[in-house]
Amino acid sequence: MAAMTQYATGKRKSAIARAWVTAAAGDIVVNEKPLEQAFPRPTLRNVIQFPFELAGVTGKYSVRATVYGGGPAGQAGALRHAISKALVIMSAAFRAPIKKEGLLTRDSRVKERKKYGQKGARKRFQYSKR
């Protein structure tokens, strides 16, 4: 019997990740590159692998993902969201620890838009009294 594969989509800031999680030897491939090449920073790799550590299945699942939009931190967060959703669909036993840590909730914080008559989203132009 073929290994079960589960698909999920995750989002963070302006990044979108599509992940296919398979119950097989644990290698993570992002945009056709190994994890170490796609995310050189160790902190971002830890963010991505965090759902597996919570569920206690590090190295038992394989991930193939495509990520686009945003920067490295947003992409890592989106991939973490997608992996968490896929793990919960695969096994209901993973839901409690993953949900308790807040990984199933989409982080809705995005950059605030610049307003007209201002320098940025909140910053104003310098006020001149005279």
N, C-alpha and C. Protein backbone atom coordinates (compact mmCIF):
# COMPACT_ATOMS: atom_id res chain seq x y z
N MET A 1 0.84 -1.19 0.00
CA MET A 1 0.00 0.00 0.00
C MET A 1 0.88 1.25 0.00
N ALA A 2 0.51 2.24 -0.79
CA ALA A 2 1.29 3.48 -0.88
C ALA A 2 1.13 4.30 0.40
N ALA A 3 2.16 5.07 0.71
CA ALA A 3 2.11 5.93 1.89
C ALA A 3 1.06 7.02 1.70
N MET A 4 0.35 7.34 2.79
CA MET A 4 -0.70 8.35 2.73
C MET A 4 -0.09 9.75 2.61
N THR A 5 -0.58 10.54 1.66
CA THR A 5 -0.12 11.91 1.47
C THR A 5 -1.28 12.85 1.77
N GLN A 6 -0.96 13.93 2.48
CA GLN A 6 -1.98 14.92 2.82
C GLN A 6 -1.51 16.30 2.37
N TYR A 7 -2.43 17.07 1.76
CA TYR A 7 -2.12 18.39 1.25
C TYR A 7 -2.73 19.46 2.15
N ALA A 8 -2.01 20.55 2.35
CA ALA A 8 -2.55 21.69 3.10
C ALA A 8 -1.89 22.97 2.63
N THR A 9 -2.61 24.07 2.81
CA THR A 9 -2.10 25.40 2.45
C THR A 9 -1.94 26.23 3.70
N GLY A 10 -0.82 26.96 3.79
CA GLY A 10 -0.58 27.84 4.92
C GLY A 10 -0.23 29.23 4.46
N LYS A 11 -0.57 30.22 5.29
CA LYS A 11 -0.28 31.61 4.94
C LYS A 11 0.31 32.34 6.14
N ARG A 12 1.18 33.33 5.82
CA ARG A 12 1.76 34.20 6.84
C ARG A 12 2.24 35.45 6.13
N LYS A 13 1.85 36.62 6.63
CA LYS A 13 2.14 37.90 5.98
C LYS A 13 1.68 37.82 4.53
N SER A 14 2.57 37.99 3.54
CA SER A 14 2.13 37.88 2.14
C SER A 14 2.68 36.61 1.50
N ALA A 15 3.12 35.65 2.31
CA ALA A 15 3.67 34.38 1.79
C ALA A 15 2.59 33.31 1.81
N ILE A 16 2.63 32.45 0.80
CA ILE A 16 1.69 31.33 0.70
C ILE A 16 2.50 30.06 0.49
N ALA A 17 2.19 29.04 1.28
CA ALA A 17 2.90 27.75 1.18
C ALA A 17 1.90 26.65 0.90
N ARG A 18 2.26 25.79 -0.05
CA ARG A 18 1.48 24.58 -0.32
C ARG A 18 2.37 23.41 0.06
N ALA A 19 1.87 22.54 0.93
CA ALA A 19 2.70 21.44 1.44
C ALA A 19 1.99 20.11 1.26
N TRP A 20 2.75 19.12 0.80
CA TRP A 20 2.30 17.74 0.70
C TRP A 20 3.09 16.93 1.71
N VAL A 21 2.43 16.44 2.75
CA VAL A 21 3.09 15.70 3.83
C VAL A 21 2.80 14.22 3.64
N THR A 22 3.87 13.41 3.61
CA THR A 22 3.76 11.97 3.38
C THR A 22 4.36 11.23 4.57
N ALA A 23 3.70 10.14 4.96
CA ALA A 23 4.21 9.31 6.05
C ALA A 23 5.35 8.44 5.51
N ALA A 24 6.53 9.02 5.44
CA ALA A 24 7.73 8.33 4.94
C ALA A 24 8.95 8.94 5.62
N ALA A 25 10.14 8.47 5.24
CA ALA A 25 11.39 8.99 5.83
C ALA A 25 11.42 10.51 5.74
N GLY A 26 11.84 11.16 6.82
CA GLY A 26 11.70 12.60 6.96
C GLY A 26 12.65 13.49 6.22
N ASP A 27 12.41 13.76 4.95
CA ASP A 27 13.19 14.77 4.25
C ASP A 27 12.23 15.87 3.82
N ILE A 28 12.67 17.12 3.95
CA ILE A 28 11.83 18.27 3.62
C ILE A 28 12.42 18.95 2.39
N VAL A 29 11.62 19.06 1.34
CA VAL A 29 12.04 19.69 0.08
C VAL A 29 11.14 20.90 -0.16
N VAL A 30 11.76 22.07 -0.31
CA VAL A 30 11.02 23.32 -0.52
C VAL A 30 11.45 23.91 -1.86
N ASN A 31 10.49 24.10 -2.76
CA ASN A 31 10.76 24.64 -4.10
C ASN A 31 11.88 23.85 -4.80
N GLU A 32 11.80 22.54 -4.75
CA GLU A 32 12.77 21.63 -5.41
C GLU A 32 14.17 21.70 -4.79
N LYS A 33 14.31 22.31 -3.61
CA LYS A 33 15.61 22.39 -2.94
C LYS A 33 15.49 21.76 -1.56
N PRO A 34 16.57 21.16 -1.04
CA PRO A 34 16.53 20.65 0.33
C PRO A 34 16.34 21.80 1.32
N LEU A 35 15.83 21.49 2.50
CA LEU A 35 15.51 22.50 3.50
C LEU A 35 16.70 23.39 3.84
N GLU A 36 17.88 22.79 3.97
CA GLU A 36 19.08 23.55 4.35
C GLU A 36 19.46 24.58 3.29
N GLN A 37 19.15 24.29 2.03
CA GLN A 37 19.48 25.21 0.94
C GLN A 37 18.39 26.27 0.78
N ALA A 38 17.13 25.90 0.99
CA ALA A 38 16.03 26.84 0.84
C ALA A 38 15.98 27.84 1.99
N PHE A 39 16.29 27.37 3.21
CA PHE A 39 16.30 28.23 4.40
C PHE A 39 17.64 28.07 5.10
N PRO A 40 18.64 28.90 4.75
CA PRO A 40 19.98 28.74 5.34
C PRO A 40 20.03 29.07 6.83
N ARG A 41 19.13 29.94 7.32
CA ARG A 41 19.16 30.33 8.74
C ARG A 41 18.60 29.21 9.61
N PRO A 42 19.34 28.80 10.66
CA PRO A 42 18.87 27.72 11.54
C PRO A 42 17.57 28.05 12.26
N THR A 43 17.35 29.33 12.59
CA THR A 43 16.12 29.69 13.29
C THR A 43 14.89 29.44 12.43
N LEU A 44 15.00 29.70 11.13
CA LEU A 44 13.87 29.46 10.23
C LEU A 44 13.63 27.97 10.06
N ARG A 45 14.72 27.17 10.02
CA ARG A 45 14.55 25.72 9.94
C ARG A 45 13.86 25.18 11.19
N ASN A 46 14.20 25.75 12.36
CA ASN A 46 13.55 25.33 13.61
C ASN A 46 12.07 25.67 13.60
N VAL A 47 11.73 26.83 13.04
CA VAL A 47 10.32 27.23 12.92
C VAL A 47 9.56 26.22 12.08
N ILE A 48 10.15 25.79 10.98
CA ILE A 48 9.49 24.85 10.06
C ILE A 48 9.33 23.47 10.70
N GLN A 49 10.32 23.02 11.47
CA GLN A 49 10.28 21.68 12.05
C GLN A 49 9.54 21.62 13.38
N PHE A 50 9.12 22.77 13.91
CA PHE A 50 8.46 22.83 15.21
C PHE A 50 7.19 21.96 15.29
N PRO A 51 6.29 21.93 14.28
CA PRO A 51 5.10 21.07 14.38
C PRO A 51 5.44 19.59 14.56
N PHE A 52 6.50 19.12 13.91
CA PHE A 52 6.90 17.72 14.06
C PHE A 52 7.39 17.44 15.48
N GLU A 53 8.14 18.40 16.06
CA GLU A 53 8.63 18.23 17.43
C GLU A 53 7.47 18.19 18.42
N LEU A 54 6.47 19.06 18.21
CA LEU A 54 5.30 19.07 19.10
C LEU A 54 4.54 17.75 19.05
N ALA A 55 4.38 17.22 17.84
CA ALA A 55 3.64 15.97 17.67
C ALA A 55 4.48 14.75 18.04
N GLY A 56 5.80 14.95 18.21
CA GLY A 56 6.68 13.84 18.56
C GLY A 56 6.96 12.89 17.41
N VAL A 57 6.96 13.42 16.19
CA VAL A 57 7.18 12.57 15.01
C VAL A 57 8.32 13.10 14.14
N THR A 58 9.34 13.67 14.77
CA THR A 58 10.46 14.22 14.02
C THR A 58 11.14 13.13 13.20
N GLY A 59 11.29 13.36 11.89
CA GLY A 59 11.96 12.40 11.02
C GLY A 59 11.08 11.29 10.48
N LYS A 60 9.78 11.28 10.82
CA LYS A 60 8.89 10.21 10.37
C LYS A 60 8.02 10.63 9.19
N TYR A 61 7.99 11.93 8.90
CA TYR A 61 7.17 12.42 7.80
C TYR A 61 8.05 13.17 6.80
N SER A 62 7.70 13.03 5.53
CA SER A 62 8.39 13.70 4.45
C SER A 62 7.52 14.85 3.94
N VAL A 63 8.14 15.97 3.60
CA VAL A 63 7.38 17.14 3.14
C VAL A 63 7.93 17.60 1.79
N ARG A 64 7.01 17.85 0.86
CA ARG A 64 7.35 18.47 -0.42
C ARG A 64 6.49 19.73 -0.50
N ALA A 65 7.13 20.88 -0.63
CA ALA A 65 6.39 22.13 -0.54
C ALA A 65 6.80 23.12 -1.61
N THR A 66 5.86 23.99 -1.98
CA THR A 66 6.14 25.14 -2.82
C THR A 66 5.73 26.37 -2.04
N VAL A 67 6.64 27.35 -1.99
CA VAL A 67 6.39 28.58 -1.23
C VAL A 67 6.68 29.77 -2.13
N TYR A 68 5.82 30.76 -2.11
CA TYR A 68 6.06 31.97 -2.89
C TYR A 68 5.49 33.18 -2.15
N GLY A 69 6.02 34.35 -2.50
CA GLY A 69 5.57 35.60 -1.88
C GLY A 69 6.28 35.85 -0.57
N GLY A 70 6.38 37.13 -0.22
CA GLY A 70 6.96 37.50 1.07
C GLY A 70 8.45 37.27 1.15
N GLY A 71 8.97 37.31 2.37
CA GLY A 71 10.39 37.10 2.61
C GLY A 71 10.63 35.78 3.31
N PRO A 72 11.86 35.51 3.72
CA PRO A 72 12.19 34.22 4.32
C PRO A 72 11.40 33.91 5.60
N ALA A 73 11.25 34.91 6.49
CA ALA A 73 10.53 34.68 7.75
C ALA A 73 9.06 34.39 7.50
N GLY A 74 8.44 35.15 6.60
CA GLY A 74 7.04 34.91 6.26
C GLY A 74 6.83 33.56 5.59
N GLN A 75 7.78 33.18 4.73
CA GLN A 75 7.67 31.88 4.06
C GLN A 75 7.81 30.73 5.05
N ALA A 76 8.72 30.88 6.02
CA ALA A 76 8.89 29.83 7.04
C ALA A 76 7.62 29.71 7.88
N GLY A 77 7.03 30.84 8.22
CA GLY A 77 5.78 30.81 9.00
C GLY A 77 4.64 30.19 8.22
N ALA A 78 4.57 30.49 6.93
CA ALA A 78 3.52 29.91 6.08
C ALA A 78 3.69 28.40 5.96
N LEU A 79 4.94 27.96 5.82
CA LEU A 79 5.21 26.52 5.71
C LEU A 79 4.88 25.81 7.02
N ARG A 80 5.20 26.44 8.15
CA ARG A 80 4.85 25.86 9.46
C ARG A 80 3.33 25.71 9.59
N HIS A 81 2.60 26.72 9.14
CA HIS A 81 1.13 26.67 9.18
C HIS A 81 0.59 25.52 8.31
N ALA A 82 1.15 25.37 7.10
CA ALA A 82 0.70 24.31 6.20
C ALA A 82 1.01 22.93 6.76
N ILE A 83 2.20 22.73 7.30
CA ILE A 83 2.59 21.43 7.87
C ILE A 83 1.70 21.09 9.05
N SER A 84 1.41 22.08 9.90
CA SER A 84 0.56 21.85 11.06
C SER A 84 -0.83 21.39 10.64
N LYS A 85 -1.40 22.07 9.63
CA LYS A 85 -2.73 21.71 9.15
C LYS A 85 -2.74 20.30 8.57
N ALA A 86 -1.70 19.95 7.81
CA ALA A 86 -1.64 18.62 7.20
C ALA A 86 -1.50 17.53 8.26
N LEU A 87 -0.68 17.77 9.28
CA LEU A 87 -0.50 16.77 10.35
C LEU A 87 -1.81 16.51 11.09
N VAL A 88 -2.58 17.56 11.35
CA VAL A 88 -3.85 17.40 12.05
C VAL A 88 -4.84 16.61 11.21
N ILE A 89 -4.83 16.84 9.90
CA ILE A 89 -5.73 16.07 9.01
C ILE A 89 -5.31 14.61 8.98
N MET A 90 -4.00 14.35 9.03
CA MET A 90 -3.50 12.96 8.98
C MET A 90 -3.86 12.18 10.24
N SER A 91 -3.74 12.81 11.40
CA SER A 91 -4.03 12.12 12.65
C SER A 91 -4.64 13.09 13.65
N ALA A 92 -5.80 12.75 14.18
CA ALA A 92 -6.48 13.62 15.14
C ALA A 92 -5.73 13.70 16.46
N ALA A 93 -4.84 12.75 16.73
CA ALA A 93 -4.08 12.75 17.98
C ALA A 93 -3.11 13.93 18.03
N PHE A 94 -2.69 14.43 16.87
CA PHE A 94 -1.76 15.55 16.82
C PHE A 94 -2.45 16.89 17.10
N ARG A 95 -3.77 16.92 17.03
CA ARG A 95 -4.51 18.19 17.12
C ARG A 95 -4.30 18.91 18.46
N ALA A 96 -4.40 18.19 19.57
CA ALA A 96 -4.33 18.84 20.89
C ALA A 96 -3.01 19.59 21.12
N PRO A 97 -1.83 18.96 20.95
CA PRO A 97 -0.61 19.72 21.20
C PRO A 97 -0.36 20.84 20.19
N ILE A 98 -0.75 20.62 18.93
CA ILE A 98 -0.52 21.63 17.90
C ILE A 98 -1.45 22.83 18.11
N LYS A 99 -2.71 22.55 18.43
CA LYS A 99 -3.67 23.63 18.67
C LYS A 99 -3.33 24.41 19.93
N LYS A 100 -2.86 23.71 20.96
CA LYS A 100 -2.49 24.37 22.22
C LYS A 100 -1.36 25.37 21.99
N GLU A 101 -0.46 25.07 21.08
CA GLU A 101 0.67 25.96 20.78
C GLU A 101 0.26 27.07 19.81
N GLY A 102 -0.97 26.99 19.25
CA GLY A 102 -1.48 28.05 18.38
C GLY A 102 -1.01 27.97 16.94
N LEU A 103 -0.61 26.79 16.48
CA LEU A 103 -0.08 26.67 15.12
C LEU A 103 -1.16 26.51 14.05
N LEU A 104 -2.39 26.25 14.46
CA LEU A 104 -3.47 26.08 13.48
C LEU A 104 -4.13 27.40 13.13
N THR A 105 -3.89 28.44 13.94
CA THR A 105 -4.48 29.74 13.70
C THR A 105 -3.60 30.53 12.74
N ARG A 106 -4.20 31.10 11.72
CA ARG A 106 -3.46 31.91 10.75
C ARG A 106 -3.09 33.22 11.42
N ASP A 107 -1.82 33.56 11.41
CA ASP A 107 -1.34 34.81 11.99
C ASP A 107 -1.74 35.94 11.05
N SER A 108 -2.73 36.74 11.46
CA SER A 108 -3.33 37.72 10.54
C SER A 108 -2.57 39.03 10.48
N ARG A 109 -1.45 39.15 11.18
CA ARG A 109 -0.71 40.41 11.16
C ARG A 109 -0.03 40.61 9.81
N VAL A 110 -0.43 41.67 9.12
CA VAL A 110 0.18 42.02 7.83
C VAL A 110 0.58 43.49 7.88
N LYS A 111 1.40 43.91 6.94
CA LYS A 111 1.88 45.29 6.91
C LYS A 111 0.72 46.24 6.68
N GLU A 112 0.69 47.31 7.47
CA GLU A 112 -0.35 48.32 7.35
C GLU A 112 -0.06 49.21 6.15
N ARG A 113 -1.09 49.61 5.45
CA ARG A 113 -0.90 50.41 4.24
C ARG A 113 -0.49 51.84 4.56
N LYS A 114 0.24 52.44 3.61
CA LYS A 114 0.63 53.84 3.74
C LYS A 114 -0.59 54.71 3.45
N LYS A 115 -0.77 55.76 4.25
CA LYS A 115 -1.88 56.68 4.05
C LYS A 115 -1.41 57.94 3.32
N TYR A 116 -2.30 58.55 2.56
CA TYR A 116 -1.96 59.79 1.85
C TYR A 116 -1.81 60.92 2.87
N GLY A 117 -0.97 61.89 2.54
CA GLY A 117 -0.73 63.01 3.45
C GLY A 117 0.17 62.64 4.62
N GLN A 118 0.75 61.44 4.57
CA GLN A 118 1.65 60.97 5.62
C GLN A 118 2.86 60.33 4.99
N LYS A 119 3.91 60.17 5.80
CA LYS A 119 5.14 59.59 5.30
C LYS A 119 5.04 58.07 5.20
N GLY A 120 4.28 57.46 6.09
CA GLY A 120 4.10 56.01 6.10
C GLY A 120 2.73 55.65 6.63
N ALA A 121 2.62 54.48 7.25
CA ALA A 121 1.34 54.04 7.78
C ALA A 121 0.91 54.88 8.98
N ARG A 122 1.85 55.16 9.87
CA ARG A 122 1.55 55.96 11.06
C ARG A 122 2.36 57.25 11.13
N LYS A 123 3.56 57.25 10.57
CA LYS A 123 4.45 58.41 10.68
C LYS A 123 3.92 59.58 9.84
N ARG A 124 3.93 60.77 10.45
CA ARG A 124 3.48 61.97 9.76
C ARG A 124 4.69 62.74 9.23
N PHE A 125 4.40 63.68 8.31
CA PHE A 125 5.44 64.60 7.89
C PHE A 125 5.77 65.53 9.05
N GLN A 126 6.98 66.10 9.06
CA GLN A 126 7.38 66.97 10.16
C GLN A 126 6.49 68.20 10.22
N TYR A 127 6.01 68.51 11.43
CA TYR A 127 5.13 69.64 11.63
C TYR A 127 5.94 70.94 11.74
N SER A 128 5.57 71.93 11.00
CA SER A 128 6.22 73.23 11.06
C SER A 128 5.26 74.25 11.65
N LYS A 129 5.62 74.83 12.80
CA LYS A 129 4.73 75.75 13.48
C LYS A 129 4.60 77.07 12.71
N ARG A 130 5.69 77.52 12.13
CA ARG A 130 5.67 78.80 11.38
C ARG A 130 6.09 78.60 9.93
